[in-house]
Amino acid sequence: MRKAKAWNQPCPNPDCKHHQLMNRDNIRAISTYLTESGKRRIFHCKTCGQNFSETRETVFFDLRTPEEKVMLALKMLLVRVGLSDIGFVLGVTEETVLEWLCRAAQQAEKINHHLLRELRVTQVQLDELWNFIKRKHSAQDTPQGESPPDATDGRQWVWLSYAPQFRLILATVVGPRCYASALQLIRWTAAIVLGVPCFFSDGFSSYLPALIECYHTLKTFVRTGKPGRPKNPIQEPHPALVYAQVIKEKENGRLKTLTQRVVCGAERLKTLGLTISTSLIERVNLTLRHALAPLVRKSWSFCKDREQLRRRVTFFHAFYNFARPHQSLRVLVPVPEAPSAGLFQLKWQPRTPGMAAGLTDHVWSFREWLTVKFEPIHYQSISG
């Protein structure tokens, strides 16, 4: 007996009992239609009777532009090409490219939300990348030249948390160099990882209070029986929290001394045998500067709005984890016992950080990345 094909398409009707649910035997393909990018299917939900296109709830939905041109524009955003250059090459306006970027960033947030969760990592490296919005110095600058937390221009840093064992970017934040941005980064990282990993960063002072805010125990004081109010409970670092810093001192732009300091959790760090380092996340900073035009130093492609920079960083975040193979993660392909003579034999199997972390089993194509759909988290397992 012929079995109906599972199309991995959720019903978009909010009133349907199978809304956003996949492979419930309620979706069937009924017809196709021709677009400039080829044939596309139309699906029918047998539960509610609604018809919908396969591009529904994807980046390409209701676009008149060929999909190849949209993908080319988004790829150019990932290889340090400015908006005006993309518009000149493809014959579209900058506003059109920004609209495609907005859709791609929303798709990236969806991917990160569904796949980056319940990760078991041993260490997390933290760092922040200098950048600016609209102008290098805000009108509300502090004496140190930094923008205040509520500023939308001036110095706006790109904050990263990174799992070096998988080469996986865990969380990204765009904001001023202040405690609020550090706390947001630590909270998003804590929501992704399981347990209490070891944290390594530079000497920025706001990381420690942010870590204690997320990983702490409350120390209470007993009443003494003396007049007056009792002492309020205070937060102490979690017993499993390990935090170490790599402090760099520079002179005339050159590195003078490099000091490692264990702030808390020295015994557990010694037991785990980990090396205090932030070198891998600093290498990711270089990758970001070579990928996104607004992060290039001395460039005319800087962003005029913090939201636009956040979208670009989020877009690159998901692309880096699932669609961009990492050379250090590749594995040897087993040599067959009787190889075919005269045929080229692959030596290495490329892998992405998402594959190394067990979040996916293949390198995503760019179109798959832009069109993938998920069920709500409470309906699916961690394997997807």
Protein backbone atom coordinates (compact mmCIF):
# COMPACT_ATOMS: atom_id res chain seq x y z
CA MET A 1 0.00 0.00 0.00
CA ARG A 2 1.33 3.41 -0.97
CA LYS A 3 2.15 5.63 1.99
CA ALA A 4 1.53 9.37 1.91
CA LYS A 5 4.71 11.46 1.80
CA ALA A 6 5.64 13.53 4.86
CA TRP A 7 6.23 17.00 3.44
CA ASN A 8 7.58 18.61 6.66
CA GLN A 9 5.10 21.42 6.17
CA PRO A 10 3.15 22.90 9.12
CA CYS A 11 -0.36 24.28 8.72
CA PRO A 12 -0.21 28.12 8.90
CA ASN A 13 -3.86 28.49 10.03
CA PRO A 14 -3.93 29.65 13.70
CA ASP A 15 -7.43 28.19 14.13
CA CYS A 16 -6.37 24.69 13.03
CA LYS A 17 -5.66 22.10 15.72
CA HIS A 18 -2.55 21.12 13.74
CA HIS A 19 -1.29 24.70 13.56
CA GLN A 20 2.54 24.71 13.22
CA LEU A 21 2.64 20.93 13.68
CA MET A 22 4.44 18.76 11.12
CA ASN A 23 4.01 15.20 9.84
CA ARG A 24 0.58 14.66 11.35
CA ASP A 25 -0.82 13.15 8.09
CA ASN A 26 -2.89 16.28 7.52
CA ILE A 27 -0.87 17.89 4.70
CA ARG A 28 -1.01 16.83 1.07
CA ALA A 29 0.28 18.39 -2.14
CA ILE A 30 -2.53 19.32 -4.51
CA SER A 31 -0.90 21.31 -7.32
CA THR A 32 2.13 23.25 -8.50
CA TYR A 33 2.65 26.72 -9.91
CA LEU A 34 5.47 28.16 -11.98
CA THR A 35 7.69 30.98 -10.75
CA GLU A 36 10.85 32.60 -12.10
CA SER A 37 12.77 30.25 -9.78
CA GLY A 38 11.03 27.07 -10.94
CA LYS A 39 8.02 25.04 -9.85
CA ARG A 40 6.63 25.44 -6.35
CA ARG A 41 4.03 23.26 -4.64
CA ILE A 42 0.69 24.21 -3.13
CA PHE A 43 -0.35 22.22 -0.07
CA HIS A 44 -3.75 21.51 1.44
CA CYS A 45 -4.51 20.91 5.12
CA LYS A 46 -7.11 18.16 5.45
CA THR A 47 -7.96 19.28 8.99
CA CYS A 48 -8.99 22.88 8.33
CA GLY A 49 -9.17 22.92 4.51
CA GLN A 50 -6.70 25.79 4.00
CA ASN A 51 -4.37 25.89 1.00
CA PHE A 52 -0.90 27.43 1.23
CA SER A 53 2.34 27.70 -0.70
CA GLU A 54 5.55 25.88 0.23
CA THR A 55 7.25 29.28 0.63
CA ARG A 56 4.79 30.33 3.34
CA GLU A 57 6.60 31.53 6.48
CA THR A 58 9.97 31.56 4.71
CA VAL A 59 12.25 34.34 3.48
CA PHE A 60 10.91 34.00 -0.08
CA PHE A 61 7.18 34.25 0.71
CA ASP A 62 5.27 36.76 -1.46
CA LEU A 63 8.40 38.09 -3.18
CA ARG A 64 8.36 39.05 -6.84
CA THR A 65 12.15 38.80 -7.10
CA PRO A 66 13.73 35.50 -8.21
CA GLU A 67 15.02 33.48 -5.29
CA GLU A 68 18.50 33.28 -6.83
CA LYS A 69 18.82 37.08 -6.73
CA VAL A 70 17.68 37.22 -3.08
CA MET A 71 20.16 34.51 -2.09
CA LEU A 72 22.95 36.25 -4.00
CA ALA A 73 22.26 39.52 -2.16
CA LEU A 74 22.25 37.78 1.23
CA LYS A 75 25.46 35.91 0.41
CA MET A 76 27.12 39.19 -0.54
CA LEU A 77 26.18 40.57 2.89
CA LEU A 78 28.24 37.73 4.39
CA VAL A 79 31.39 38.48 2.38
CA ARG A 80 31.98 42.12 3.32
CA VAL A 81 30.06 43.76 0.48
CA GLY A 82 28.34 47.07 1.25
CA LEU A 83 24.68 47.86 0.63
CA SER A 84 25.33 50.37 -2.16
CA ASP A 85 27.58 47.87 -3.94
CA ILE A 86 24.94 45.15 -3.74
CA GLY A 87 22.32 47.53 -5.09
CA PHE A 88 24.58 48.52 -7.99
CA VAL A 89 25.40 44.92 -8.96
CA LEU A 90 21.86 43.52 -8.66
CA GLY A 91 19.92 46.60 -9.72
CA VAL A 92 17.87 46.92 -6.52
CA THR A 93 17.56 49.62 -3.90
CA GLU A 94 19.25 49.56 -0.51
CA GLU A 95 15.82 49.49 1.15
CA THR A 96 15.01 46.28 -0.71
CA VAL A 97 18.24 44.62 0.47
CA LEU A 98 17.51 45.71 4.06
CA GLU A 99 14.05 44.16 3.84
CA TRP A 100 15.57 40.86 2.70
CA LEU A 101 18.07 41.13 5.55
CA CYS A 102 15.22 41.67 8.01
CA ARG A 103 13.55 38.47 6.83
CA ALA A 104 16.83 36.55 6.98
CA ALA A 105 17.53 37.81 10.51
CA GLN A 106 14.08 36.67 11.65
CA GLN A 107 14.79 33.25 10.15
CA ALA A 108 18.16 33.18 11.92
CA GLU A 109 16.51 33.99 15.27
CA LYS A 110 14.08 31.13 14.68
CA ILE A 111 16.94 28.71 13.96
CA ASN A 112 18.91 29.81 17.01
CA HIS A 113 15.84 29.61 19.25
CA HIS A 114 15.00 26.04 18.22
CA LEU A 115 18.46 24.50 17.95
CA LEU A 116 20.68 26.31 20.46
CA ARG A 117 19.39 24.84 23.72
CA GLU A 118 20.38 22.25 26.33
CA LEU A 119 24.03 22.20 25.22
CA ARG A 120 26.63 20.45 27.35
CA VAL A 121 29.80 22.50 27.17
CA THR A 122 32.81 22.52 29.49
CA GLN A 123 33.97 26.07 28.88
CA VAL A 124 32.68 29.33 27.41
CA GLN A 125 34.87 32.15 26.14
CA LEU A 126 33.54 35.72 26.35
CA ASP A 127 34.67 38.76 24.41
CA GLU A 128 33.43 42.03 22.96
CA LEU A 129 34.23 43.55 19.56
CA TRP A 130 34.55 47.31 19.11
CA ASN A 131 32.31 49.07 16.60
CA PHE A 132 30.29 52.25 16.28
CA ILE A 133 26.86 53.33 15.06
CA LYS A 134 26.32 56.51 13.02
CA ARG A 135 29.33 58.29 14.60
CA LYS A 136 32.38 57.23 16.59
CA HIS A 137 31.48 59.32 19.63
CA SER A 138 27.99 59.86 20.97
CA ALA A 139 26.87 63.26 22.23
CA GLN A 140 26.27 61.57 25.60
CA ASP A 141 29.71 59.94 25.86
CA THR A 142 31.16 59.10 29.27
CA PRO A 143 34.61 60.47 30.21
CA GLN A 144 36.09 57.16 29.01
CA GLY A 145 34.58 57.71 25.56
CA GLU A 146 31.97 54.94 25.91
CA SER A 147 28.30 55.37 25.03
CA PRO A 148 25.81 55.22 27.94
CA PRO A 149 23.43 52.22 28.14
CA ASP A 150 20.50 54.12 26.59
CA ALA A 151 22.49 55.60 23.69
CA THR A 152 21.75 54.51 20.13
CA ASP A 153 24.89 55.92 18.51
CA GLY A 154 28.59 56.14 19.24
CA ARG A 155 30.50 53.09 20.43
CA GLN A 156 28.33 49.97 20.18
CA TRP A 157 30.15 46.71 20.87
CA VAL A 158 29.42 43.25 19.48
CA TRP A 159 29.38 40.81 22.42
CA LEU A 160 30.02 37.09 21.87
CA SER A 161 29.96 33.90 23.89
CA TYR A 162 31.73 30.96 22.28
CA ALA A 163 32.05 27.22 22.98
CA PRO A 164 35.59 26.35 21.78
CA GLN A 165 35.15 22.57 21.93
CA PHE A 166 32.52 22.78 19.16
CA ARG A 167 33.67 26.09 17.59
CA LEU A 168 30.06 27.15 18.24
CA ILE A 169 28.85 30.73 18.72
CA LEU A 170 26.37 30.54 21.60
CA ALA A 171 24.96 34.06 21.89
CA THR A 172 25.47 37.53 20.43
CA VAL A 173 24.52 40.97 21.76
CA VAL A 174 24.96 44.42 20.25
CA GLY A 175 25.17 47.22 22.78
CA PRO A 176 27.39 49.63 24.73
CA ARG A 177 30.30 48.40 26.82
CA CYS A 178 28.50 48.34 30.14
CA TYR A 179 27.14 45.99 32.78
CA ALA A 180 23.68 45.76 31.15
CA SER A 181 25.11 44.35 27.90
CA ALA A 182 27.35 41.90 29.78
CA LEU A 183 24.38 40.71 31.85
CA GLN A 184 22.24 40.18 28.76
CA LEU A 185 25.01 38.11 27.13
CA ILE A 186 25.46 35.93 30.23
CA ARG A 187 21.69 35.40 30.62
CA TRP A 188 21.28 34.31 27.00
CA THR A 189 24.28 32.00 27.33
CA ALA A 190 22.95 30.51 30.57
CA ALA A 191 19.64 29.78 28.84
CA ILE A 192 21.46 27.76 26.16
CA VAL A 193 23.96 25.67 28.14
CA LEU A 194 23.33 23.01 30.77
CA GLY A 195 24.93 23.27 34.19
CA VAL A 196 27.66 25.74 35.07
CA PRO A 197 30.53 25.80 32.56
CA CYS A 198 33.89 27.50 33.02
CA PHE A 199 34.02 31.09 31.78
CA PHE A 200 37.12 32.82 30.37
CA SER A 201 37.25 36.46 29.30
CA ASP A 202 39.43 39.55 29.14
CA GLY A 203 39.85 41.87 32.10
CA PHE A 204 36.56 43.74 31.66
CA SER A 205 35.16 44.32 35.17
CA SER A 206 31.44 43.86 34.37
CA TYR A 207 31.66 40.14 33.58
CA LEU A 208 32.09 39.03 37.20
CA PRO A 209 28.95 40.72 38.64
CA ALA A 210 26.98 39.53 35.59
CA LEU A 211 28.13 35.95 36.16
CA ILE A 212 27.28 36.12 39.87
CA GLU A 213 23.83 37.48 38.99
CA CYS A 214 23.14 34.38 36.86
CA TYR A 215 25.11 31.76 38.82
CA HIS A 216 24.83 32.38 42.55
CA THR A 217 23.68 31.09 45.91
CA LEU A 218 22.04 33.23 48.57
CA LYS A 219 23.83 33.60 51.87
CA THR A 220 21.37 34.40 54.66
CA PHE A 221 22.13 35.70 58.14
CA VAL A 222 20.43 34.47 61.31
CA ARG A 223 18.85 36.93 63.65
CA THR A 224 21.09 37.96 66.51
CA GLY A 225 18.32 39.09 68.83
CA LYS A 226 19.79 42.58 68.99
CA PRO A 227 17.78 45.69 68.09
CA GLY A 228 17.73 46.72 64.46
CA ARG A 229 17.03 45.15 61.12
CA PRO A 230 18.67 41.83 60.24
CA LYS A 231 21.22 41.72 57.45
CA ASN A 232 19.82 41.24 53.96
CA PRO A 233 20.79 38.05 52.06
CA ILE A 234 23.77 38.49 49.76
CA GLN A 235 24.67 36.73 46.53
CA GLU A 236 27.76 34.54 46.49
CA PRO A 237 29.29 32.83 43.44
CA HIS A 238 27.89 29.39 42.74
CA PRO A 239 30.19 26.66 44.13
CA ALA A 240 30.64 25.24 40.61
CA LEU A 241 31.34 28.62 38.96
CA VAL A 242 34.80 28.97 37.43
CA TYR A 243 35.82 32.34 36.06
CA ALA A 244 39.29 33.35 34.89
CA GLN A 245 40.60 36.39 33.04
CA VAL A 246 43.33 36.96 30.47
CA ILE A 247 44.58 40.49 31.11
CA LYS A 248 46.60 42.20 28.39
CA GLU A 249 48.73 45.28 28.91
CA LYS A 250 49.74 47.18 25.79
CA GLU A 251 52.23 49.95 25.18
CA ASN A 252 52.14 52.02 21.99
CA GLY A 253 49.69 49.54 20.47
CA ARG A 254 51.90 46.52 21.14
CA LEU A 255 51.36 43.74 23.64
CA LYS A 256 53.64 44.20 26.63
CA THR A 257 52.50 41.65 29.22
CA LEU A 258 49.91 38.86 29.35
CA THR A 259 48.58 37.90 32.78
CA GLN A 260 46.19 35.11 33.72
CA ARG A 261 44.06 35.53 36.82
CA VAL A 262 41.62 33.04 38.34
CA VAL A 263 38.81 35.04 39.92
CA CYS A 264 36.79 32.16 41.38
CA GLY A 265 36.68 28.36 41.21
CA ALA A 266 40.44 27.70 41.23
CA GLU A 267 40.07 24.18 42.64
CA ARG A 268 37.52 23.05 40.06
CA LEU A 269 39.60 24.59 37.26
CA LYS A 270 42.61 22.58 38.44
CA THR A 271 40.51 19.42 38.58
CA LEU A 272 39.18 19.90 35.05
CA GLY A 273 42.65 20.63 33.72
CA LEU A 274 41.50 23.40 31.36
CA THR A 275 43.82 26.03 29.93
CA ILE A 276 42.90 29.67 30.49
CA SER A 277 42.63 31.17 27.02
CA THR A 278 40.52 33.48 24.86
CA SER A 279 42.47 32.95 21.64
CA LEU A 280 39.72 31.10 19.76
CA ILE A 281 37.03 33.70 20.34
CA GLU A 282 39.48 36.43 19.33
CA ARG A 283 39.96 34.50 16.09
CA VAL A 284 36.18 34.58 15.64
CA ASN A 285 36.38 38.36 15.98
CA LEU A 286 38.68 38.40 12.96
CA THR A 287 36.24 36.20 11.05
CA LEU A 288 33.43 38.65 11.85
CA ARG A 289 35.46 41.63 10.66
CA HIS A 290 36.24 39.83 7.39
CA ALA A 291 32.59 38.80 6.88
CA LEU A 292 30.45 41.85 7.74
CA ALA A 293 31.07 45.17 6.02
CA PRO A 294 30.00 47.37 9.01
CA LEU A 295 32.70 45.76 11.18
CA VAL A 296 35.55 46.55 8.80
CA ARG A 297 37.85 49.18 10.27
CA LYS A 298 38.05 52.54 8.44
CA SER A 299 35.07 51.67 6.27
CA TRP A 300 32.24 53.73 4.79
CA SER A 301 29.84 50.84 5.32
CA PHE A 302 29.18 51.45 9.04
CA CYS A 303 25.57 51.09 10.20
CA LYS A 304 23.42 54.10 11.02
CA ASP A 305 21.02 52.10 13.19
CA ARG A 306 21.81 49.60 15.96
CA GLU A 307 18.97 47.31 14.86
CA GLN A 308 20.53 46.92 11.41
CA LEU A 309 23.85 45.88 12.94
CA ARG A 310 22.07 43.47 15.27
CA ARG A 311 20.32 41.86 12.29
CA ARG A 312 23.60 41.38 10.43
CA VAL A 313 25.28 39.81 13.46
CA THR A 314 22.29 37.52 14.08
CA PHE A 315 22.26 36.54 10.40
CA PHE A 316 25.95 35.65 10.49
CA HIS A 317 25.52 33.86 13.84
CA ALA A 318 23.16 31.22 12.45
CA PHE A 319 25.00 30.96 9.13
CA TYR A 320 28.33 30.37 10.90
CA ASN A 321 26.92 27.58 13.08
CA PHE A 322 24.98 25.56 10.51
CA ALA A 323 25.94 26.45 6.92
CA ARG A 324 29.65 27.30 7.09
CA PRO A 325 32.05 24.32 7.42
CA HIS A 326 34.91 24.84 9.86
CA GLN A 327 38.26 23.48 8.75
CA SER A 328 39.38 22.43 12.24
CA LEU A 329 36.24 20.29 12.64
CA ARG A 330 36.67 18.18 9.49
CA VAL A 331 37.13 14.43 9.91
CA LEU A 332 38.89 11.81 7.80
CA VAL A 333 36.70 9.81 5.44
CA PRO A 334 37.21 6.05 5.98
CA VAL A 335 39.17 4.54 3.10
CA PRO A 336 37.17 1.76 1.37
CA GLU A 337 38.77 -1.67 1.16
CA ALA A 338 38.54 -1.72 -2.62
CA PRO A 339 38.59 1.87 -3.91
CA SER A 340 37.34 2.48 -7.42
CA ALA A 341 40.27 2.96 -9.77
CA GLY A 342 40.49 6.27 -11.54
CA LEU A 343 37.90 8.03 -9.36
CA PHE A 344 38.66 10.96 -7.10
CA GLN A 345 38.39 9.90 -3.46
CA LEU A 346 37.37 12.45 -0.85
CA LYS A 347 39.82 12.60 2.03
CA TRP A 348 37.94 14.89 4.41
CA GLN A 349 34.32 15.22 5.44
CA PRO A 350 33.44 18.88 6.12
CA ARG A 351 31.61 19.65 9.35
CA THR A 352 29.97 22.75 10.78
CA PRO A 353 29.95 23.76 14.47
CA GLY A 354 26.33 22.62 14.61
CA MET A 355 27.36 19.15 13.43
CA ALA A 356 30.17 18.99 16.00
CA ALA A 357 27.69 19.85 18.76
CA GLY A 358 25.22 17.21 17.56
CA LEU A 359 22.56 19.77 16.57
CA THR A 360 22.38 18.64 12.94
CA ASP A 361 23.79 15.83 10.82
CA HIS A 362 24.75 17.66 7.61
CA VAL A 363 26.00 20.95 6.21
CA TRP A 364 22.97 23.08 5.42
CA SER A 365 22.61 24.52 1.95
CA PHE A 366 21.88 28.24 1.78
CA ARG A 367 18.35 27.69 0.49
CA GLU A 368 17.65 25.10 3.17
CA TRP A 369 18.87 27.60 5.76
CA LEU A 370 16.43 30.23 4.46
CA THR A 371 13.41 27.92 4.20
CA VAL A 372 13.67 25.50 7.13
CA LYS A 373 10.58 25.23 9.35
CA PHE A 374 10.21 24.00 12.92
CA GLU A 375 7.50 22.82 15.25
CA PRO A 376 7.01 24.68 18.55
CA ILE A 377 9.66 23.60 21.07
CA HIS A 378 7.19 21.95 23.46
CA TYR A 379 6.20 19.55 20.65
CA GLN A 380 9.69 18.39 19.68
CA SER A 381 12.70 16.67 21.18
CA ILE A 382 16.18 18.14 21.36
CA SER A 383 17.12 16.18 18.24
CA GLY A 384 14.62 18.28 16.25
